[in-house]
């Protein structure tokens, strides 16, 4: 057996032994495993001039009615970080005006935003919303619900142009470091509240 053949045989032997060892001790110890984020959460943030575009989605193990009931409980702020006050000011058909106060501290900068959103309810399908007055220059977006075999895929899309009083770098830091946790807490809140939500859907 020449040197080349010997090296080839040795390499083959090592590969076979490594493979057998993997089978014995478990594949996860030998190969990198790419884990999906909790609730298959996906968040994308894009800077568009002075505005920020946010696209997000997560999969909640609830029914479509339960997810819609959760989204339209406008005054429950326990699952949304930063929102310290949320009050319904008026209802008119499928339109609901909600006043909200947000307080955050980012990079030692205190941030306080107060605004009114008009939600247009699309029963069991989702929501449209737009700021009608407040501290942002502009803020609008949508929530959409899509049932599948694993629960409900919740999709969020928005565009926000903050007021120039708040340093742009502070806003961008907040968007890129805090938004994801907010959606994760919402998904957890949907799952944790499922028993209560299901009663509302009966």
C-alpha atoms as a PDB file:
ATOM      1  CA  UNK A   1       0.000   0.000   0.000  1.00  0.00           C
ATOM      2  CA  UNK A   2       1.578   3.314  -1.050  1.00  0.00           C
ATOM      3  CA  UNK A   3       1.499   6.490   1.036  1.00  0.00           C
ATOM      4  CA  UNK A   4      -1.440   8.041  -0.873  1.00  0.00           C
ATOM      5  CA  UNK A   5      -3.570   4.937  -0.404  1.00  0.00           C
ATOM      6  CA  UNK A   6      -2.603   4.740   3.271  1.00  0.00           C
ATOM      7  CA  UNK A   7      -3.674   8.330   3.867  1.00  0.00           C
ATOM      8  CA  UNK A   8      -6.953   7.765   2.010  1.00  0.00           C
ATOM      9  CA  UNK A   9      -7.693   4.639   4.061  1.00  0.00           C
ATOM     10  CA  UNK A  10      -6.845   6.479   7.304  1.00  0.00           C
ATOM     11  CA  UNK A  11      -9.114   9.418   6.452  1.00  0.00           C
ATOM     12  CA  UNK A  12     -11.956   7.070   5.534  1.00  0.00           C
ATOM     13  CA  UNK A  13     -11.499   5.172   8.777  1.00  0.00           C
ATOM     14  CA  UNK A  14     -11.604   8.378  10.844  1.00  0.00           C
ATOM     15  CA  UNK A  15     -14.792   9.550   9.105  1.00  0.00           C
ATOM     16  CA  UNK A  16     -16.529   6.205   9.711  1.00  0.00           C
ATOM     17  CA  UNK A  17     -15.513   6.121  13.378  1.00  0.00           C
ATOM     18  CA  UNK A  18     -16.631   9.725  13.877  1.00  0.00           C
ATOM     19  CA  UNK A  19     -19.993   8.965  12.272  1.00  0.00           C
ATOM     20  CA  UNK A  20     -20.497   5.917  14.503  1.00  0.00           C
ATOM     21  CA  UNK A  21     -19.565   7.961  17.551  1.00  0.00           C
ATOM     22  CA  UNK A  22     -22.141  10.566  16.574  1.00  0.00           C
ATOM     23  CA  UNK A  23     -24.815   7.890  16.366  1.00  0.00           C
ATOM     24  CA  UNK A  24     -23.876   6.618  19.822  1.00  0.00           C
ATOM     25  CA  UNK A  25     -23.721   9.940  21.691  1.00  0.00           C
ATOM     26  CA  UNK A  26     -26.420  11.781  19.757  1.00  0.00           C
ATOM     27  CA  UNK A  27     -26.336  13.858  16.609  1.00  0.00           C
ATOM     28  CA  UNK A  28     -26.762  17.157  18.478  1.00  0.00           C
ATOM     29  CA  UNK A  29     -23.322  16.725  20.025  1.00  0.00           C
ATOM     30  CA  UNK A  30     -21.668  16.419  16.619  1.00  0.00           C
ATOM     31  CA  UNK A  31     -23.540  18.761  14.353  1.00  0.00           C
ATOM     32  CA  UNK A  32     -24.615  22.381  14.781  1.00  0.00           C
ATOM     33  CA  UNK A  33     -28.360  22.654  15.206  1.00  0.00           C
ATOM     34  CA  UNK A  34     -30.140  25.768  13.999  1.00  0.00           C
ATOM     35  CA  UNK A  35     -33.013  26.409  16.371  1.00  0.00           C
ATOM     36  CA  UNK A  36     -36.009  28.473  15.334  1.00  0.00           C
ATOM     37  CA  UNK A  37     -36.662  31.527  17.507  1.00  0.00           C
ATOM     38  CA  UNK A  38     -39.542  31.284  20.002  1.00  0.00           C
ATOM     39  CA  UNK A  39     -42.917  31.336  18.236  1.00  0.00           C
ATOM     40  CA  UNK A  40     -41.074  31.406  14.872  1.00  0.00           C
ATOM     41  CA  UNK A  41     -40.656  35.133  15.554  1.00  0.00           C
ATOM     42  CA  UNK A  42     -39.314  37.198  12.663  1.00  0.00           C
ATOM     43  CA  UNK A  43     -38.639  40.943  12.884  1.00  0.00           C
ATOM     44  CA  UNK A  44     -37.291  43.196  10.125  1.00  0.00           C
ATOM     45  CA  UNK A  45     -36.551  46.901  10.575  1.00  0.00           C
ATOM     46  CA  UNK A  46     -35.690  49.205   7.685  1.00  0.00           C
ATOM     47  CA  UNK A  47     -34.716  52.873   7.755  1.00  0.00           C
ATOM     48  CA  UNK A  48     -36.567  54.823   5.062  1.00  0.00           C
ATOM     49  CA  UNK A  49     -35.432  58.436   5.115  1.00  0.00           C
ATOM     50  CA  UNK A  50     -36.651  59.903   8.395  1.00  0.00           C
ATOM     51  CA  UNK A  51     -39.043  56.985   8.961  1.00  0.00           C
ATOM     52  CA  UNK A  52     -38.730  53.394  10.154  1.00  0.00           C
ATOM     53  CA  UNK A  53     -40.507  50.459   8.553  1.00  0.00           C
ATOM     54  CA  UNK A  54     -41.186  47.427  10.740  1.00  0.00           C
ATOM     55  CA  UNK A  55     -42.276  44.003   9.499  1.00  0.00           C
ATOM     56  CA  UNK A  56     -42.863  41.271  12.071  1.00  0.00           C
ATOM     57  CA  UNK A  57     -44.587  37.920  12.376  1.00  0.00           C
ATOM     58  CA  UNK A  58     -45.004  35.200  14.980  1.00  0.00           C
ATOM     59  CA  UNK A  59     -46.921  31.957  15.311  1.00  0.00           C
ATOM     60  CA  UNK A  60     -49.233  31.770  18.323  1.00  0.00           C
ATOM     61  CA  UNK A  61     -50.830  28.489  19.460  1.00  0.00           C
ATOM     62  CA  UNK A  62     -54.333  29.995  19.612  1.00  0.00           C
ATOM     63  CA  UNK A  63     -57.401  30.165  17.392  1.00  0.00           C
ATOM     64  CA  UNK A  64     -58.073  33.050  15.027  1.00  0.00           C
ATOM     65  CA  UNK A  65     -60.881  34.311  17.257  1.00  0.00           C
ATOM     66  CA  UNK A  66     -58.618  34.167  20.311  1.00  0.00           C
ATOM     67  CA  UNK A  67     -55.853  36.098  18.551  1.00  0.00           C
ATOM     68  CA  UNK A  68     -58.334  38.752  17.366  1.00  0.00           C
ATOM     69  CA  UNK A  69     -59.799  39.074  20.869  1.00  0.00           C
ATOM     70  CA  UNK A  70     -56.295  39.589  22.253  1.00  0.00           C
ATOM     71  CA  UNK A  71     -55.438  42.312  19.724  1.00  0.00           C
ATOM     72  CA  UNK A  72     -58.684  44.204  20.353  1.00  0.00           C
ATOM     73  CA  UNK A  73     -58.265  44.269  24.135  1.00  0.00           C
ATOM     74  CA  UNK A  74     -56.879  47.787  23.757  1.00  0.00           C
ATOM     75  CA  UNK A  75     -56.671  48.668  27.440  1.00  0.00           C
ATOM     76  CA  UNK A  76     -54.656  45.626  28.542  1.00  0.00           C
ATOM     77  CA  UNK A  77     -51.042  46.821  28.503  1.00  0.00           C
ATOM     78  CA  UNK A  78     -49.423  44.041  30.548  1.00  0.00           C
ATOM     79  CA  UNK A  79     -47.897  42.302  27.525  1.00  0.00           C
ATOM     80  CA  UNK A  80     -46.583  45.369  25.708  1.00  0.00           C
ATOM     81  CA  UNK A  81     -43.338  46.839  27.088  1.00  0.00           C
ATOM     82  CA  UNK A  82     -43.245  50.617  27.381  1.00  0.00           C
ATOM     83  CA  UNK A  83     -46.996  51.229  27.240  1.00  0.00           C
ATOM     84  CA  UNK A  84     -47.969  52.587  30.652  1.00  0.00           C
ATOM     85  CA  UNK A  85     -51.444  53.836  29.746  1.00  0.00           C
ATOM     86  CA  UNK A  86     -53.966  52.820  27.093  1.00  0.00           C
ATOM     87  CA  UNK A  87     -57.525  54.137  27.142  1.00  0.00           C
ATOM     88  CA  UNK A  88     -60.402  53.840  24.684  1.00  0.00           C
ATOM     89  CA  UNK A  89     -61.669  57.359  23.956  1.00  0.00           C
ATOM     90  CA  UNK A  90     -64.478  56.576  21.535  1.00  0.00           C
ATOM     91  CA  UNK A  91     -66.088  53.916  19.350  1.00  0.00           C
ATOM     92  CA  UNK A  92     -67.936  54.452  16.098  1.00  0.00           C
ATOM     93  CA  UNK A  93     -68.933  51.288  14.258  1.00  0.00           C
ATOM     94  CA  UNK A  94     -65.769  49.363  13.509  1.00  0.00           C
ATOM     95  CA  UNK A  95     -63.520  52.323  14.353  1.00  0.00           C
ATOM     96  CA  UNK A  96     -61.973  52.691  17.806  1.00  0.00           C
ATOM     97  CA  UNK A  97     -59.869  55.616  19.009  1.00  0.00           C
ATOM     98  CA  UNK A  98     -57.294  54.718  21.648  1.00  0.00           C
ATOM     99  CA  UNK A  99     -55.037  57.105  23.553  1.00  0.00           C
ATOM    100  CA  UNK A 100     -51.686  55.690  24.642  1.00  0.00           C
ATOM    101  CA  UNK A 101     -48.733  56.828  26.715  1.00  0.00           C
ATOM    102  CA  UNK A 102     -45.339  55.215  26.185  1.00  0.00           C
ATOM    103  CA  UNK A 103     -42.418  55.679  28.544  1.00  0.00           C
ATOM    104  CA  UNK A 104     -38.973  54.209  27.899  1.00  0.00           C
ATOM    105  CA  UNK A 105     -35.363  54.935  28.782  1.00  0.00           C
ATOM    106  CA  UNK A 106     -32.872  54.298  25.990  1.00  0.00           C
ATOM    107  CA  UNK A 107     -29.129  55.019  26.320  1.00  0.00           C
ATOM    108  CA  UNK A 108     -29.934  57.181  29.378  1.00  0.00           C
ATOM    109  CA  UNK A 109     -32.400  59.241  27.313  1.00  0.00           C
ATOM    110  CA  UNK A 110     -35.945  59.269  28.757  1.00  0.00           C
ATOM    111  CA  UNK A 111     -38.545  58.858  26.021  1.00  0.00           C
ATOM    112  CA  UNK A 112     -42.188  59.744  26.516  1.00  0.00           C
ATOM    113  CA  UNK A 113     -44.702  59.560  23.692  1.00  0.00           C
ATOM    114  CA  UNK A 114     -48.404  60.274  23.847  1.00  0.00           C
ATOM    115  CA  UNK A 115     -50.626  59.725  20.846  1.00  0.00           C
ATOM    116  CA  UNK A 116     -54.083  58.717  19.670  1.00  0.00           C
ATOM    117  CA  UNK A 117     -54.522  55.851  17.238  1.00  0.00           C
ATOM    118  CA  UNK A 118     -57.637  55.149  15.221  1.00  0.00           C
ATOM    119  CA  UNK A 119     -58.069  51.395  14.778  1.00  0.00           C
ATOM    120  CA  UNK A 120     -60.262  50.021  12.019  1.00  0.00           C
ATOM    121  CA  UNK A 121     -61.415  46.562  13.053  1.00  0.00           C
ATOM    122  CA  UNK A 122     -61.632  43.795  10.476  1.00  0.00           C
ATOM    123  CA  UNK A 123     -63.424  41.085  12.507  1.00  0.00           C
ATOM    124  CA  UNK A 124     -61.322  37.917  12.868  1.00  0.00           C
ATOM    125  CA  UNK A 125     -58.952  39.166  10.148  1.00  0.00           C
ATOM    126  CA  UNK A 126     -56.967  41.909  11.874  1.00  0.00           C
ATOM    127  CA  UNK A 127     -56.682  45.678  12.281  1.00  0.00           C
ATOM    128  CA  UNK A 128     -55.613  48.802  10.435  1.00  0.00           C
ATOM    129  CA  UNK A 129     -54.365  51.733  12.499  1.00  0.00           C
ATOM    130  CA  UNK A 130     -53.246  55.330  11.990  1.00  0.00           C
ATOM    131  CA  UNK A 131     -52.148  58.081  14.355  1.00  0.00           C
ATOM    132  CA  UNK A 132     -54.677  60.909  14.317  1.00  0.00           C
ATOM    133  CA  UNK A 133     -52.715  63.089  16.720  1.00  0.00           C
ATOM    134  CA  UNK A 134     -49.678  62.724  18.905  1.00  0.00           C
ATOM    135  CA  UNK A 135     -45.937  63.029  19.319  1.00  0.00           C
ATOM    136  CA  UNK A 136     -44.930  61.112  16.200  1.00  0.00           C
ATOM    137  CA  UNK A 137     -44.929  62.964  12.900  1.00  0.00           C
ATOM    138  CA  UNK A 138     -46.673  59.942  11.401  1.00  0.00           C
ATOM    139  CA  UNK A 139     -47.490  56.389  12.467  1.00  0.00           C
ATOM    140  CA  UNK A 140     -49.660  53.828  10.688  1.00  0.00           C
ATOM    141  CA  UNK A 141     -49.802  50.114  10.060  1.00  0.00           C
ATOM    142  CA  UNK A 142     -51.710  46.837  10.023  1.00  0.00           C
ATOM    143  CA  UNK A 143     -52.182  43.578  11.923  1.00  0.00           C
ATOM    144  CA  UNK A 144     -53.238  40.482   9.989  1.00  0.00           C
ATOM    145  CA  UNK A 145     -54.211  37.001  11.214  1.00  0.00           C
ATOM    146  CA  UNK A 146     -53.826  33.782   9.193  1.00  0.00           C
ATOM    147  CA  UNK A 147     -54.854  30.394  10.580  1.00  0.00           C
ATOM    148  CA  UNK A 148     -52.803  27.275   9.917  1.00  0.00           C
ATOM    149  CA  UNK A 149     -52.415  23.790  11.384  1.00  0.00           C
ATOM    150  CA  UNK A 150     -50.170  25.082  14.197  1.00  0.00           C
ATOM    151  CA  UNK A 151     -52.279  28.024  15.328  1.00  0.00           C
ATOM    152  CA  UNK A 152     -52.393  31.582  14.000  1.00  0.00           C
ATOM    153  CA  UNK A 153     -49.709  33.431  12.088  1.00  0.00           C
ATOM    154  CA  UNK A 154     -49.786  37.023  13.308  1.00  0.00           C
ATOM    155  CA  UNK A 155     -48.335  39.569  10.864  1.00  0.00           C
ATOM    156  CA  UNK A 156     -47.540  43.176  11.725  1.00  0.00           C
ATOM    157  CA  UNK A 157     -46.481  45.980   9.410  1.00  0.00           C
ATOM    158  CA  UNK A 158     -45.965  49.658  10.213  1.00  0.00           C
ATOM    159  CA  UNK A 159     -44.186  52.841   9.252  1.00  0.00           C
ATOM    160  CA  UNK A 160     -43.326  55.461  11.840  1.00  0.00           C
ATOM    161  CA  UNK A 161     -41.728  58.869  11.467  1.00  0.00           C
ATOM    162  CA  UNK A 162     -40.661  60.065  14.914  1.00  0.00           C
ATOM    163  CA  UNK A 163     -40.612  63.685  15.994  1.00  0.00           C
ATOM    164  CA  UNK A 164     -37.231  65.325  15.506  1.00  0.00           C
ATOM    165  CA  UNK A 165     -37.115  66.353  19.196  1.00  0.00           C
ATOM    166  CA  UNK A 166     -35.874  62.840  20.033  1.00  0.00           C
ATOM    167  CA  UNK A 167     -32.346  62.188  18.688  1.00  0.00           C
ATOM    168  CA  UNK A 168     -32.583  59.941  15.633  1.00  0.00           C
ATOM    169  CA  UNK A 169     -29.782  57.697  16.915  1.00  0.00           C
ATOM    170  CA  UNK A 170     -31.707  57.048  20.128  1.00  0.00           C
ATOM    171  CA  UNK A 171     -34.835  56.068  18.205  1.00  0.00           C
ATOM    172  CA  UNK A 172     -32.859  53.774  15.915  1.00  0.00           C
ATOM    173  CA  UNK A 173     -31.156  52.089  18.893  1.00  0.00           C
ATOM    174  CA  UNK A 174     -34.547  51.526  20.510  1.00  0.00           C
ATOM    175  CA  UNK A 175     -36.078  50.119  17.323  1.00  0.00           C
ATOM    176  CA  UNK A 176     -33.257  47.665  16.752  1.00  0.00           C
ATOM    177  CA  UNK A 177     -32.843  46.514  20.365  1.00  0.00           C
ATOM    178  CA  UNK A 178     -36.274  46.642  22.010  1.00  0.00           C
ATOM    179  CA  UNK A 179     -38.892  45.926  19.348  1.00  0.00           C
ATOM    180  CA  UNK A 180     -38.158  42.204  19.106  1.00  0.00           C
ATOM    181  CA  UNK A 181     -38.710  41.641  22.829  1.00  0.00           C
ATOM    182  CA  UNK A 182     -42.063  43.398  22.577  1.00  0.00           C
ATOM    183  CA  UNK A 183     -43.365  40.998  19.926  1.00  0.00           C
ATOM    184  CA  UNK A 184     -42.046  38.013  21.880  1.00  0.00           C
ATOM    185  CA  UNK A 185     -43.936  39.178  24.961  1.00  0.00           C
ATOM    186  CA  UNK A 186     -47.109  39.576  22.900  1.00  0.00           C
ATOM    187  CA  UNK A 187     -46.815  36.014  21.605  1.00  0.00           C
ATOM    188  CA  UNK A 188     -46.240  34.753  25.154  1.00  0.00           C
ATOM    189  CA  UNK A 189     -49.231  36.784  26.331  1.00  0.00           C
ATOM    190  CA  UNK A 190     -51.502  35.211  23.720  1.00  0.00           C
ATOM    191  CA  UNK A 191     -50.479  31.725  24.773  1.00  0.00           C
ATOM    192  CA  UNK A 192     -50.684  32.476  28.505  1.00  0.00           C
ATOM    193  CA  UNK A 193     -54.164  34.045  28.161  1.00  0.00           C
ATOM    194  CA  UNK A 194     -55.594  31.296  25.989  1.00  0.00           C
ATOM    195  CA  UNK A 195     -58.088  30.003  28.562  1.00  0.00           C
ATOM    196  CA  UNK A 196     -59.531  33.473  29.126  1.00  0.00           C
ATOM    197  CA  UNK A 197     -59.546  34.248  25.388  1.00  0.00           C
ATOM    198  CA  UNK A 198     -61.344  30.995  24.584  1.00  0.00           C
ATOM    199  CA  UNK A 199     -64.182  31.908  26.967  1.00  0.00           C
ATOM    200  CA  UNK A 200     -64.673  35.180  25.075  1.00  0.00           C
ATOM    201  CA  UNK A 201     -64.907  33.243  21.804  1.00  0.00           C
ATOM    202  CA  UNK A 202     -67.643  30.846  22.914  1.00  0.00           C
END
